[in-house]
C-alpha atoms as a PDB file:
ATOM      1  CA  UNK A   1       0.000   0.000   0.000  1.00  0.00           C
ATOM      2  CA  UNK A   2       1.272   3.457  -0.899  1.00  0.00           C
ATOM      3  CA  UNK A   3       2.368   5.611   2.036  1.00  0.00           C
ATOM      4  CA  UNK A   4       0.357   8.762   2.715  1.00  0.00           C
ATOM      5  CA  UNK A   5       2.808  11.659   2.335  1.00  0.00           C
ATOM      6  CA  UNK A   6       2.359  15.344   3.120  1.00  0.00           C
ATOM      7  CA  UNK A   7       1.824  18.423   0.989  1.00  0.00           C
ATOM      8  CA  UNK A   8       3.253  21.830   1.922  1.00  0.00           C
ATOM      9  CA  UNK A   9       0.995  24.824   1.281  1.00  0.00           C
ATOM     10  CA  UNK A  10       2.836  28.158   1.096  1.00  0.00           C
ATOM     11  CA  UNK A  11       0.489  31.116   1.460  1.00  0.00           C
ATOM     12  CA  UNK A  12       2.794  33.996   2.474  1.00  0.00           C
ATOM     13  CA  UNK A  13       3.260  36.416  -0.434  1.00  0.00           C
ATOM     14  CA  UNK A  14       6.976  37.086   0.046  1.00  0.00           C
ATOM     15  CA  UNK A  15       8.046  33.536   0.837  1.00  0.00           C
ATOM     16  CA  UNK A  16      11.129  32.007  -0.750  1.00  0.00           C
ATOM     17  CA  UNK A  17      11.680  28.268  -1.036  1.00  0.00           C
ATOM     18  CA  UNK A  18      15.146  26.780  -1.249  1.00  0.00           C
ATOM     19  CA  UNK A  19      16.934  23.462  -0.912  1.00  0.00           C
ATOM     20  CA  UNK A  20      19.222  22.788   2.032  1.00  0.00           C
ATOM     21  CA  UNK A  21      20.652  19.282   1.842  1.00  0.00           C
ATOM     22  CA  UNK A  22      17.693  16.899   1.735  1.00  0.00           C
ATOM     23  CA  UNK A  23      15.287  19.533   3.134  1.00  0.00           C
ATOM     24  CA  UNK A  24      12.936  22.148   1.746  1.00  0.00           C
ATOM     25  CA  UNK A  25      13.338  25.430   3.612  1.00  0.00           C
ATOM     26  CA  UNK A  26      10.723  28.198   3.572  1.00  0.00           C
ATOM     27  CA  UNK A  27      12.037  31.707   4.257  1.00  0.00           C
ATOM     28  CA  UNK A  28      10.223  35.016   4.700  1.00  0.00           C
ATOM     29  CA  UNK A  29      12.302  38.206   4.558  1.00  0.00           C
ATOM     30  CA  UNK A  30      15.462  36.170   5.032  1.00  0.00           C
ATOM     31  CA  UNK A  31      14.245  34.395   8.179  1.00  0.00           C
ATOM     32  CA  UNK A  32      13.613  30.656   8.165  1.00  0.00           C
ATOM     33  CA  UNK A  33       9.950  29.882   8.799  1.00  0.00           C
ATOM     34  CA  UNK A  34       9.888  26.149   8.177  1.00  0.00           C
ATOM     35  CA  UNK A  35      11.967  23.133   7.196  1.00  0.00           C
ATOM     36  CA  UNK A  36      10.694  19.739   5.975  1.00  0.00           C
ATOM     37  CA  UNK A  37      12.625  16.650   4.800  1.00  0.00           C
ATOM     38  CA  UNK A  38      11.898  16.035   1.132  1.00  0.00           C
ATOM     39  CA  UNK A  39      11.318  12.308   1.598  1.00  0.00           C
ATOM     40  CA  UNK A  40       8.174  13.098   3.623  1.00  0.00           C
ATOM     41  CA  UNK A  41       6.570  15.127   0.816  1.00  0.00           C
ATOM     42  CA  UNK A  42       4.557  14.408  -2.305  1.00  0.00           C
ATOM     43  CA  UNK A  43       3.771  18.008  -3.227  1.00  0.00           C
ATOM     44  CA  UNK A  44       4.390  21.715  -2.668  1.00  0.00           C
ATOM     45  CA  UNK A  45       1.601  24.173  -3.504  1.00  0.00           C
ATOM     46  CA  UNK A  46       2.390  27.900  -3.598  1.00  0.00           C
ATOM     47  CA  UNK A  47      -0.298  30.581  -3.561  1.00  0.00           C
ATOM     48  CA  UNK A  48       0.309  34.116  -4.732  1.00  0.00           C
ATOM     49  CA  UNK A  49       3.902  35.040  -5.553  1.00  0.00           C
ATOM     50  CA  UNK A  50       6.309  32.823  -3.584  1.00  0.00           C
ATOM     51  CA  UNK A  51       9.537  32.036  -5.385  1.00  0.00           C
ATOM     52  CA  UNK A  52      11.674  28.926  -5.480  1.00  0.00           C
ATOM     53  CA  UNK A  53      15.354  28.404  -6.193  1.00  0.00           C
ATOM     54  CA  UNK A  54      16.410  26.539  -9.357  1.00  0.00           C
ATOM     55  CA  UNK A  55      18.185  23.970  -7.169  1.00  0.00           C
ATOM     56  CA  UNK A  56      14.949  23.239  -5.313  1.00  0.00           C
ATOM     57  CA  UNK A  57      12.919  22.970  -8.515  1.00  0.00           C
ATOM     58  CA  UNK A  58      15.444  20.519  -9.933  1.00  0.00           C
ATOM     59  CA  UNK A  59      15.456  18.465  -6.727  1.00  0.00           C
ATOM     60  CA  UNK A  60      11.647  18.311  -6.647  1.00  0.00           C
ATOM     61  CA  UNK A  61      11.522  17.245 -10.292  1.00  0.00           C
ATOM     62  CA  UNK A  62      14.080  14.504  -9.670  1.00  0.00           C
ATOM     63  CA  UNK A  63      12.298  13.279  -6.514  1.00  0.00           C
ATOM     64  CA  UNK A  64       8.839  13.291  -8.109  1.00  0.00           C
ATOM     65  CA  UNK A  65       7.558  16.044  -5.806  1.00  0.00           C
ATOM     66  CA  UNK A  66       4.917  18.128  -7.574  1.00  0.00           C
ATOM     67  CA  UNK A  67       5.686  21.853  -7.295  1.00  0.00           C
ATOM     68  CA  UNK A  68       2.592  23.849  -8.258  1.00  0.00           C
ATOM     69  CA  UNK A  69       1.885  27.574  -8.391  1.00  0.00           C
ATOM     70  CA  UNK A  70      -1.683  28.873  -7.947  1.00  0.00           C
ATOM     71  CA  UNK A  71      -3.364  32.227  -7.493  1.00  0.00           C
ATOM     72  CA  UNK A  72      -4.585  33.097  -3.953  1.00  0.00           C
ATOM     73  CA  UNK A  73      -8.044  31.872  -5.049  1.00  0.00           C
ATOM     74  CA  UNK A  74      -6.695  28.480  -6.091  1.00  0.00           C
ATOM     75  CA  UNK A  75      -6.599  28.952  -9.882  1.00  0.00           C
ATOM     76  CA  UNK A  76      -3.843  26.891 -11.469  1.00  0.00           C
ATOM     77  CA  UNK A  77      -0.936  28.871 -12.940  1.00  0.00           C
ATOM     78  CA  UNK A  78       2.014  26.541 -13.526  1.00  0.00           C
ATOM     79  CA  UNK A  79       3.610  23.293 -12.448  1.00  0.00           C
ATOM     80  CA  UNK A  80       7.204  22.115 -12.338  1.00  0.00           C
ATOM     81  CA  UNK A  81       7.643  18.446 -13.158  1.00  0.00           C
ATOM     82  CA  UNK A  82      10.487  16.193 -14.188  1.00  0.00           C
ATOM     83  CA  UNK A  83      10.747  13.601 -16.964  1.00  0.00           C
ATOM     84  CA  UNK A  84       7.585  11.586 -17.366  1.00  0.00           C
ATOM     85  CA  UNK A  85       7.545   8.359 -15.411  1.00  0.00           C
ATOM     86  CA  UNK A  86       5.428   5.267 -15.698  1.00  0.00           C
ATOM     87  CA  UNK A  87       4.808   2.864 -18.526  1.00  0.00           C
ATOM     88  CA  UNK A  88       4.574   4.470 -21.949  1.00  0.00           C
ATOM     89  CA  UNK A  89       2.390   1.529 -22.975  1.00  0.00           C
ATOM     90  CA  UNK A  90      -0.190   2.648 -20.395  1.00  0.00           C
ATOM     91  CA  UNK A  91      -0.337   6.135 -21.902  1.00  0.00           C
ATOM     92  CA  UNK A  92      -0.694   4.721 -25.417  1.00  0.00           C
ATOM     93  CA  UNK A  93      -3.528   2.508 -24.207  1.00  0.00           C
ATOM     94  CA  UNK A  94      -5.147   5.504 -22.497  1.00  0.00           C
ATOM     95  CA  UNK A  95      -5.104   7.458 -25.762  1.00  0.00           C
ATOM     96  CA  UNK A  96      -6.623   4.561 -27.688  1.00  0.00           C
ATOM     97  CA  UNK A  97      -9.378   4.071 -25.105  1.00  0.00           C
ATOM     98  CA  UNK A  98     -10.210   7.794 -25.186  1.00  0.00           C
ATOM     99  CA  UNK A  99     -10.840   7.464 -28.935  1.00  0.00           C
ATOM    100  CA  UNK A 100     -12.864   4.251 -28.603  1.00  0.00           C
ATOM    101  CA  UNK A 101     -16.390   4.728 -27.189  1.00  0.00           C
ATOM    102  CA  UNK A 102     -16.849   0.984 -26.740  1.00  0.00           C
ATOM    103  CA  UNK A 103     -14.048   0.958 -24.168  1.00  0.00           C
ATOM    104  CA  UNK A 104     -14.552   4.466 -22.775  1.00  0.00           C
ATOM    105  CA  UNK A 105     -18.293   4.247 -22.028  1.00  0.00           C
ATOM    106  CA  UNK A 106     -18.070   1.592 -19.263  1.00  0.00           C
ATOM    107  CA  UNK A 107     -15.438   3.670 -17.421  1.00  0.00           C
ATOM    108  CA  UNK A 108     -17.417   6.912 -17.749  1.00  0.00           C
ATOM    109  CA  UNK A 109     -20.571   5.056 -16.725  1.00  0.00           C
ATOM    110  CA  UNK A 110     -18.904   4.076 -13.462  1.00  0.00           C
ATOM    111  CA  UNK A 111     -17.641   7.602 -12.809  1.00  0.00           C
ATOM    112  CA  UNK A 112     -21.008   9.293 -13.371  1.00  0.00           C
ATOM    113  CA  UNK A 113     -22.945   6.643 -11.448  1.00  0.00           C
ATOM    114  CA  UNK A 114     -20.562   6.914  -8.492  1.00  0.00           C
ATOM    115  CA  UNK A 115     -20.715  10.712  -8.494  1.00  0.00           C
ATOM    116  CA  UNK A 116     -24.527  10.746  -8.370  1.00  0.00           C
ATOM    117  CA  UNK A 117     -24.531   8.050  -5.684  1.00  0.00           C
ATOM    118  CA  UNK A 118     -21.966   9.938  -3.595  1.00  0.00           C
ATOM    119  CA  UNK A 119     -23.958  13.163  -3.925  1.00  0.00           C
ATOM    120  CA  UNK A 120     -26.958  11.209  -2.700  1.00  0.00           C
ATOM    121  CA  UNK A 121     -24.928  10.056   0.309  1.00  0.00           C
ATOM    122  CA  UNK A 122     -24.105  13.683   1.164  1.00  0.00           C
ATOM    123  CA  UNK A 123     -27.835  14.487   1.202  1.00  0.00           C
ATOM    124  CA  UNK A 124     -28.575  11.415   3.300  1.00  0.00           C
ATOM    125  CA  UNK A 125     -25.970  12.405   5.862  1.00  0.00           C
ATOM    126  CA  UNK A 126     -27.358  15.927   6.025  1.00  0.00           C
ATOM    127  CA  UNK A 127     -30.831  14.543   6.696  1.00  0.00           C
ATOM    128  CA  UNK A 128     -29.409  12.210   9.330  1.00  0.00           C
ATOM    129  CA  UNK A 129     -27.330  14.889  11.076  1.00  0.00           C
ATOM    130  CA  UNK A 130     -29.567  17.939  10.772  1.00  0.00           C
ATOM    131  CA  UNK A 131     -32.982  16.641   9.729  1.00  0.00           C
ATOM    132  CA  UNK A 132     -34.665  17.435  13.048  1.00  0.00           C
ATOM    133  CA  UNK A 133     -33.462  21.057  12.883  1.00  0.00           C
ATOM    134  CA  UNK A 134     -34.421  21.696   9.279  1.00  0.00           C
ATOM    135  CA  UNK A 135     -37.505  23.599   8.251  1.00  0.00           C
ATOM    136  CA  UNK A 136     -40.200  21.265   6.847  1.00  0.00           C
ATOM    137  CA  UNK A 137     -39.795  22.624   3.326  1.00  0.00           C
ATOM    138  CA  UNK A 138     -35.996  22.162   3.430  1.00  0.00           C
ATOM    139  CA  UNK A 139     -36.362  18.625   4.729  1.00  0.00           C
ATOM    140  CA  UNK A 140     -38.883  17.818   1.995  1.00  0.00           C
ATOM    141  CA  UNK A 141     -36.607  19.284  -0.700  1.00  0.00           C
ATOM    142  CA  UNK A 142     -33.633  17.245   0.475  1.00  0.00           C
ATOM    143  CA  UNK A 143     -35.687  14.069   0.677  1.00  0.00           C
ATOM    144  CA  UNK A 144     -37.044  14.540  -2.838  1.00  0.00           C
ATOM    145  CA  UNK A 145     -33.616  15.365  -4.284  1.00  0.00           C
ATOM    146  CA  UNK A 146     -32.090  12.345  -2.545  1.00  0.00           C
ATOM    147  CA  UNK A 147     -34.660  10.051  -4.177  1.00  0.00           C
ATOM    148  CA  UNK A 148     -34.220  11.645  -7.608  1.00  0.00           C
ATOM    149  CA  UNK A 149     -30.426  11.318  -7.401  1.00  0.00           C
ATOM    150  CA  UNK A 150     -30.964   7.619  -6.842  1.00  0.00           C
ATOM    151  CA  UNK A 151     -32.976   7.475 -10.073  1.00  0.00           C
ATOM    152  CA  UNK A 152     -30.258   9.397 -11.941  1.00  0.00           C
ATOM    153  CA  UNK A 153     -27.597   6.985 -10.692  1.00  0.00           C
ATOM    154  CA  UNK A 154     -29.648   4.009 -11.872  1.00  0.00           C
ATOM    155  CA  UNK A 155     -30.230   5.551 -15.300  1.00  0.00           C
ATOM    156  CA  UNK A 156     -26.547   6.404 -15.625  1.00  0.00           C
ATOM    157  CA  UNK A 157     -25.677   2.796 -14.832  1.00  0.00           C
ATOM    158  CA  UNK A 158     -27.655   1.763 -17.937  1.00  0.00           C
ATOM    159  CA  UNK A 159     -26.469   4.510 -20.320  1.00  0.00           C
ATOM    160  CA  UNK A 160     -24.867   3.434 -23.583  1.00  0.00           C
ATOM    161  CA  UNK A 161     -23.075   6.562 -24.808  1.00  0.00           C
ATOM    162  CA  UNK A 162     -20.966   9.356 -23.346  1.00  0.00           C
ATOM    163  CA  UNK A 163     -23.313  12.180 -24.401  1.00  0.00           C
ATOM    164  CA  UNK A 164     -26.133  10.559 -22.407  1.00  0.00           C
ATOM    165  CA  UNK A 165     -23.801  10.156 -19.438  1.00  0.00           C
ATOM    166  CA  UNK A 166     -22.847  13.818 -19.611  1.00  0.00           C
ATOM    167  CA  UNK A 167     -26.554  14.622 -19.552  1.00  0.00           C
ATOM    168  CA  UNK A 168     -27.063  12.461 -16.459  1.00  0.00           C
ATOM    169  CA  UNK A 169     -24.078  14.098 -14.779  1.00  0.00           C
ATOM    170  CA  UNK A 170     -25.522  17.535 -15.499  1.00  0.00           C
ATOM    171  CA  UNK A 171     -28.940  16.526 -14.166  1.00  0.00           C
ATOM    172  CA  UNK A 172     -27.371  15.182 -10.975  1.00  0.00           C
ATOM    173  CA  UNK A 173     -25.413  18.405 -10.480  1.00  0.00           C
ATOM    174  CA  UNK A 174     -28.572  20.503 -10.966  1.00  0.00           C
ATOM    175  CA  UNK A 175     -30.479  18.430  -8.412  1.00  0.00           C
ATOM    176  CA  UNK A 176     -27.640  18.400  -5.922  1.00  0.00           C
ATOM    177  CA  UNK A 177     -26.711  22.067  -6.000  1.00  0.00           C
ATOM    178  CA  UNK A 178     -30.395  22.970  -6.155  1.00  0.00           C
ATOM    179  CA  UNK A 179     -30.727  21.835  -2.542  1.00  0.00           C
ATOM    180  CA  UNK A 180     -27.188  22.575  -1.328  1.00  0.00           C
ATOM    181  CA  UNK A 181     -28.385  25.706   0.437  1.00  0.00           C
ATOM    182  CA  UNK A 182     -30.770  23.616   2.558  1.00  0.00           C
ATOM    183  CA  UNK A 183     -27.770  21.798   4.071  1.00  0.00           C
ATOM    184  CA  UNK A 184     -26.063  25.017   5.200  1.00  0.00           C
ATOM    185  CA  UNK A 185     -26.470  25.944   8.856  1.00  0.00           C
ATOM    186  CA  UNK A 186     -24.048  28.894   8.932  1.00  0.00           C
ATOM    187  CA  UNK A 187     -24.714  32.595   9.404  1.00  0.00           C
ATOM    188  CA  UNK A 188     -27.377  34.016   7.122  1.00  0.00           C
ATOM    189  CA  UNK A 189     -27.401  35.682   4.663  1.00  0.00           C
ATOM    190  CA  UNK A 190     -23.588  35.546   4.547  1.00  0.00           C
ATOM    191  CA  UNK A 191     -23.565  31.840   3.724  1.00  0.00           C
ATOM    192  CA  UNK A 192     -26.562  31.676   1.402  1.00  0.00           C
ATOM    193  CA  UNK A 193     -26.103  29.652  -1.785  1.00  0.00           C
ATOM    194  CA  UNK A 194     -28.140  30.203  -4.951  1.00  0.00           C
ATOM    195  CA  UNK A 195     -26.226  27.902  -7.324  1.00  0.00           C
ATOM    196  CA  UNK A 196     -22.748  27.334  -8.690  1.00  0.00           C
ATOM    197  CA  UNK A 197     -20.759  30.317  -9.934  1.00  0.00           C
ATOM    198  CA  UNK A 198     -17.150  29.721 -10.864  1.00  0.00           C
ATOM    199  CA  UNK A 199     -15.129  32.335 -12.711  1.00  0.00           C
ATOM    200  CA  UNK A 200     -15.330  34.262 -10.497  1.00  0.00           C
ATOM    201  CA  UNK A 201     -17.191  32.845  -7.462  1.00  0.00           C
ATOM    202  CA  UNK A 202     -19.956  35.260  -6.530  1.00  0.00           C
ATOM    203  CA  UNK A 203     -20.650  34.173  -2.951  1.00  0.00           C
ATOM    204  CA  UNK A 204     -18.747  32.730   0.002  1.00  0.00           C
ATOM    205  CA  UNK A 205     -19.940  29.150  -0.478  1.00  0.00           C
ATOM    206  CA  UNK A 206     -18.851  29.102  -4.120  1.00  0.00           C
ATOM    207  CA  UNK A 207     -15.492  30.615  -3.203  1.00  0.00           C
ATOM    208  CA  UNK A 208     -14.958  27.829  -0.664  1.00  0.00           C
ATOM    209  CA  UNK A 209     -16.074  25.081  -3.051  1.00  0.00           C
ATOM    210  CA  UNK A 210     -13.864  26.369  -5.863  1.00  0.00           C
ATOM    211  CA  UNK A 211     -10.862  26.524  -3.566  1.00  0.00           C
ATOM    212  CA  UNK A 212     -11.409  22.971  -2.317  1.00  0.00           C
ATOM    213  CA  UNK A 213     -11.906  21.712  -5.873  1.00  0.00           C
ATOM    214  CA  UNK A 214      -8.570  23.269  -6.819  1.00  0.00           C
ATOM    215  CA  UNK A 215      -6.881  21.342  -3.994  1.00  0.00           C
ATOM    216  CA  UNK A 216      -8.587  18.113  -5.029  1.00  0.00           C
ATOM    217  CA  UNK A 217      -7.605  18.697  -8.654  1.00  0.00           C
ATOM    218  CA  UNK A 218      -3.971  19.060  -7.656  1.00  0.00           C
ATOM    219  CA  UNK A 219      -4.097  15.766  -5.755  1.00  0.00           C
ATOM    220  CA  UNK A 220      -5.867  13.922  -8.591  1.00  0.00           C
ATOM    221  CA  UNK A 221      -3.375  15.134 -11.171  1.00  0.00           C
ATOM    222  CA  UNK A 222      -0.482  14.052  -8.963  1.00  0.00           C
ATOM    223  CA  UNK A 223      -2.093  10.634  -8.480  1.00  0.00           C
ATOM    224  CA  UNK A 224      -2.509  10.116 -12.227  1.00  0.00           C
ATOM    225  CA  UNK A 225       1.014  11.245 -13.038  1.00  0.00           C
ATOM    226  CA  UNK A 226       2.366   8.998 -10.305  1.00  0.00           C
ATOM    227  CA  UNK A 227       0.807   5.976 -12.018  1.00  0.00           C
ATOM    228  CA  UNK A 228       1.978   7.072 -15.461  1.00  0.00           C
ATOM    229  CA  UNK A 229      -1.160   8.520 -17.071  1.00  0.00           C
ATOM    230  CA  UNK A 230      -1.345  11.574 -19.301  1.00  0.00           C
ATOM    231  CA  UNK A 231      -3.608  13.857 -17.204  1.00  0.00           C
ATOM    232  CA  UNK A 232      -4.596  15.905 -20.265  1.00  0.00           C
ATOM    233  CA  UNK A 233      -6.467  13.110 -22.079  1.00  0.00           C
ATOM    234  CA  UNK A 234      -9.838  12.477 -20.457  1.00  0.00           C
ATOM    235  CA  UNK A 235     -12.822  10.244 -21.077  1.00  0.00           C
ATOM    236  CA  UNK A 236     -15.784  12.154 -19.623  1.00  0.00           C
ATOM    237  CA  UNK A 237     -14.311  15.630 -20.081  1.00  0.00           C
ATOM    238  CA  UNK A 238     -13.433  16.561 -23.650  1.00  0.00           C
ATOM    239  CA  UNK A 239      -9.870  17.507 -24.534  1.00  0.00           C
ATOM    240  CA  UNK A 240      -9.104  21.203 -24.251  1.00  0.00           C
ATOM    241  CA  UNK A 241      -5.717  22.948 -24.372  1.00  0.00           C
ATOM    242  CA  UNK A 242      -4.414  23.563 -20.870  1.00  0.00           C
ATOM    243  CA  UNK A 243      -7.051  21.427 -19.148  1.00  0.00           C
ATOM    244  CA  UNK A 244      -6.169  18.270 -17.220  1.00  0.00           C
ATOM    245  CA  UNK A 245      -9.268  16.420 -18.425  1.00  0.00           C
ATOM    246  CA  UNK A 246      -8.449  13.026 -16.898  1.00  0.00           C
ATOM    247  CA  UNK A 247      -7.815  14.697 -13.525  1.00  0.00           C
ATOM    248  CA  UNK A 248     -11.278  16.262 -13.801  1.00  0.00           C
ATOM    249  CA  UNK A 249     -12.686  12.804 -14.574  1.00  0.00           C
ATOM    250  CA  UNK A 250     -11.069  11.336 -11.467  1.00  0.00           C
ATOM    251  CA  UNK A 251     -12.289  14.259  -9.358  1.00  0.00           C
ATOM    252  CA  UNK A 252     -15.963  13.699 -10.144  1.00  0.00           C
ATOM    253  CA  UNK A 253     -16.588  10.727  -7.866  1.00  0.00           C
ATOM    254  CA  UNK A 254     -14.431  12.296  -5.098  1.00  0.00           C
ATOM    255  CA  UNK A 255     -15.856  15.842  -5.004  1.00  0.00           C
ATOM    256  CA  UNK A 256     -18.814  14.984  -2.713  1.00  0.00           C
ATOM    257  CA  UNK A 257     -16.635  12.900  -0.386  1.00  0.00           C
ATOM    258  CA  UNK A 258     -13.563  15.074   0.067  1.00  0.00           C
ATOM    259  CA  UNK A 259     -14.594  18.614  -0.890  1.00  0.00           C
ATOM    260  CA  UNK A 260     -18.367  19.121  -0.529  1.00  0.00           C
ATOM    261  CA  UNK A 261     -18.667  17.384   2.815  1.00  0.00           C
ATOM    262  CA  UNK A 262     -15.727  19.396   4.174  1.00  0.00           C
ATOM    263  CA  UNK A 263     -17.259  22.672   2.958  1.00  0.00           C
ATOM    264  CA  UNK A 264     -20.488  21.852   4.798  1.00  0.00           C
ATOM    265  CA  UNK A 265     -18.571  20.973   7.952  1.00  0.00           C
ATOM    266  CA  UNK A 266     -16.514  24.181   7.942  1.00  0.00           C
ATOM    267  CA  UNK A 267     -19.610  26.356   7.544  1.00  0.00           C
ATOM    268  CA  UNK A 268     -22.005  24.428   9.769  1.00  0.00           C
ATOM    269  CA  UNK A 269     -19.550  24.177  12.665  1.00  0.00           C
ATOM    270  CA  UNK A 270     -18.664  27.855  12.434  1.00  0.00           C
ATOM    271  CA  UNK A 271     -15.031  27.162  11.598  1.00  0.00           C
ATOM    272  CA  UNK A 272     -15.310  29.753   8.841  1.00  0.00           C
ATOM    273  CA  UNK A 273     -16.878  33.146   9.450  1.00  0.00           C
ATOM    274  CA  UNK A 274     -18.013  35.830   7.002  1.00  0.00           C
ATOM    275  CA  UNK A 275     -14.865  37.785   7.899  1.00  0.00           C
ATOM    276  CA  UNK A 276     -12.770  34.982   6.360  1.00  0.00           C
ATOM    277  CA  UNK A 277     -13.847  36.152   2.890  1.00  0.00           C
ATOM    278  CA  UNK A 278     -13.404  39.340   0.893  1.00  0.00           C
ATOM    279  CA  UNK A 279     -15.563  40.791  -1.891  1.00  0.00           C
ATOM    280  CA  UNK A 280     -13.942  42.954  -4.573  1.00  0.00           C
ATOM    281  CA  UNK A 281     -15.543  45.808  -6.461  1.00  0.00           C
ATOM    282  CA  UNK A 282     -16.695  43.498  -9.248  1.00  0.00           C
ATOM    283  CA  UNK A 283     -18.481  41.165  -6.836  1.00  0.00           C
ATOM    284  CA  UNK A 284     -15.927  38.343  -6.917  1.00  0.00           C
ATOM    285  CA  UNK A 285     -15.539  36.598  -3.556  1.00  0.00           C
ATOM    286  CA  UNK A 286     -12.319  35.028  -2.280  1.00  0.00           C
ATOM    287  CA  UNK A 287     -10.871  33.691   0.952  1.00  0.00           C
ATOM    288  CA  UNK A 288      -8.674  35.926   3.082  1.00  0.00           C
ATOM    289  CA  UNK A 289      -5.184  34.782   4.070  1.00  0.00           C
ATOM    290  CA  UNK A 290      -6.466  33.590   7.456  1.00  0.00           C
ATOM    291  CA  UNK A 291      -9.469  31.900   5.862  1.00  0.00           C
ATOM    292  CA  UNK A 292      -7.300  30.127   3.326  1.00  0.00           C
ATOM    293  CA  UNK A 293      -4.984  28.843   6.052  1.00  0.00           C
ATOM    294  CA  UNK A 294      -7.937  27.553   8.079  1.00  0.00           C
ATOM    295  CA  UNK A 295      -9.270  25.678   5.047  1.00  0.00           C
ATOM    296  CA  UNK A 296      -5.877  24.176   4.251  1.00  0.00           C
ATOM    297  CA  UNK A 297      -5.457  22.890   7.811  1.00  0.00           C
ATOM    298  CA  UNK A 298      -8.924  21.323   7.660  1.00  0.00           C
ATOM    299  CA  UNK A 299      -8.172  19.881   4.211  1.00  0.00           C
ATOM    300  CA  UNK A 300      -5.049  18.144   5.488  1.00  0.00           C
ATOM    301  CA  UNK A 301      -6.931  16.789   8.501  1.00  0.00           C
ATOM    302  CA  UNK A 302      -9.725  15.540   6.246  1.00  0.00           C
ATOM    303  CA  UNK A 303      -7.196  13.636   4.154  1.00  0.00           C
ATOM    304  CA  UNK A 304      -5.851  11.907   7.273  1.00  0.00           C
ATOM    305  CA  UNK A 305      -9.253  10.498   8.256  1.00  0.00           C
ATOM    306  CA  UNK A 306      -9.536   6.805   7.576  1.00  0.00           C
ATOM    307  CA  UNK A 307     -12.203   4.933   5.662  1.00  0.00           C
ATOM    308  CA  UNK A 308     -12.695   1.460   4.287  1.00  0.00           C
ATOM    309  CA  UNK A 309     -12.263   1.250   0.540  1.00  0.00           C
ATOM    310  CA  UNK A 310     -15.404  -0.400  -0.880  1.00  0.00           C
ATOM    311  CA  UNK A 311     -13.598  -2.401  -3.569  1.00  0.00           C
ATOM    312  CA  UNK A 312     -10.324  -3.330  -1.872  1.00  0.00           C
ATOM    313  CA  UNK A 313     -11.848  -3.799   1.581  1.00  0.00           C
ATOM    314  CA  UNK A 314      -8.812  -2.090   3.131  1.00  0.00           C
ATOM    315  CA  UNK A 315      -8.745   0.785   5.620  1.00  0.00           C
ATOM    316  CA  UNK A 316      -6.785   3.794   4.396  1.00  0.00           C
ATOM    317  CA  UNK A 317      -6.539   7.590   4.795  1.00  0.00           C
ATOM    318  CA  UNK A 318      -8.895   9.578   2.585  1.00  0.00           C
ATOM    319  CA  UNK A 319      -5.854  11.247   1.047  1.00  0.00           C
ATOM    320  CA  UNK A 320      -4.876   7.960  -0.586  1.00  0.00           C
ATOM    321  CA  UNK A 321      -8.188   7.353  -2.331  1.00  0.00           C
ATOM    322  CA  UNK A 322      -7.233   9.339  -5.454  1.00  0.00           C
ATOM    323  CA  UNK A 323      -3.993   7.350  -5.753  1.00  0.00           C
ATOM    324  CA  UNK A 324      -5.834   4.050  -5.314  1.00  0.00           C
ATOM    325  CA  UNK A 325      -8.435   4.970  -7.943  1.00  0.00           C
ATOM    326  CA  UNK A 326      -5.686   5.951 -10.378  1.00  0.00           C
ATOM    327  CA  UNK A 327      -4.028   2.576  -9.802  1.00  0.00           C
ATOM    328  CA  UNK A 328      -7.324   0.731 -10.311  1.00  0.00           C
ATOM    329  CA  UNK A 329      -7.915   2.580 -13.573  1.00  0.00           C
ATOM    330  CA  UNK A 330      -4.400   1.662 -14.726  1.00  0.00           C
ATOM    331  CA  UNK A 331      -4.986  -1.990 -13.822  1.00  0.00           C
ATOM    332  CA  UNK A 332      -8.190  -1.985 -15.850  1.00  0.00           C
ATOM    333  CA  UNK A 333      -6.545  -0.444 -18.918  1.00  0.00           C
ATOM    334  CA  UNK A 334      -3.689  -2.952 -18.673  1.00  0.00           C
ATOM    335  CA  UNK A 335      -6.233  -5.787 -18.622  1.00  0.00           C
ATOM    336  CA  UNK A 336      -5.678  -6.863 -15.012  1.00  0.00           C
ATOM    337  CA  UNK A 337      -9.266  -5.917 -14.052  1.00  0.00           C
ATOM    338  CA  UNK A 338     -12.361  -6.567 -16.115  1.00  0.00           C
ATOM    339  CA  UNK A 339     -13.779  -3.142 -15.284  1.00  0.00           C
ATOM    340  CA  UNK A 340     -12.931   0.083 -13.504  1.00  0.00           C
ATOM    341  CA  UNK A 341     -14.363   0.006  -9.957  1.00  0.00           C
ATOM    342  CA  UNK A 342     -15.459   3.579  -9.074  1.00  0.00           C
ATOM    343  CA  UNK A 343     -15.334   4.851  -5.515  1.00  0.00           C
ATOM    344  CA  UNK A 344     -18.747   4.511  -3.831  1.00  0.00           C
ATOM    345  CA  UNK A 345     -18.947   6.264  -0.460  1.00  0.00           C
ATOM    346  CA  UNK A 346     -21.115   4.753   2.257  1.00  0.00           C
END
């Protein structure tokens, strides 16, 4: 079983990262603020304008440590990576499968079905945890959406083409986010949610979701590259220059488990306050420095929580699930598994 390694998140604007022996050192205004052995890391994520020495970038590339640069809001900017690893035969198979609907449809079917089922589980847990405190209309809306998501998952499991599966995925998202506001117990109206808005996020809930999705996307891309996949060539998401389509595919079944559930927890438990967000003149909402740090701490803790993998039957940290799913997909494409087993959260 793969070991669960750590990711460093650098949020200070004027930080400088350098290599010192086998360690990564973070400095601010010439003073050392942190030091971590490289063998304990799988990634470094820098927000804003931190810099890194060429020696450190080379060492990270050689050690397979992903060094990524994002905006303060979590938008991907650039990534430093070394020579591609993994089996070139796997990547060639991946490209052939992406162009062959007969082989691609069963994989996409599993992804979409698992995503709808996992969204349904989020609604079920909200009803279990907060049902007695919900207004009757909110409880009824959640109950109805939960049942309809079950129907979507069953229809997706029978779909025969990718366009139909994309339609089922869109229907599930509309149902799910249509009742997301009913699961929020935070301060009103600061944490009201009227639907997804992305570029830019137009409310605090969307800003939080987008930030968490950026973190999950980083982890999924790293997992795929670690196995040897080309993260740009997807099955559910169409190819687009600059988009890691396969990473987006892998994210779909994990969004409700790792990101959405954490967003609800942070808001409902009062771990994030309205003051942890800023609104610019154009209406775009983003996390403050303190808010971003609070989310990153919670994200790392979430990844350490253990669960039992439904296919392998093994207990593992949540942070390893993306790596396990990437390995299972690789085993399927190599012919070691008859089908790709998606992650179904219970």
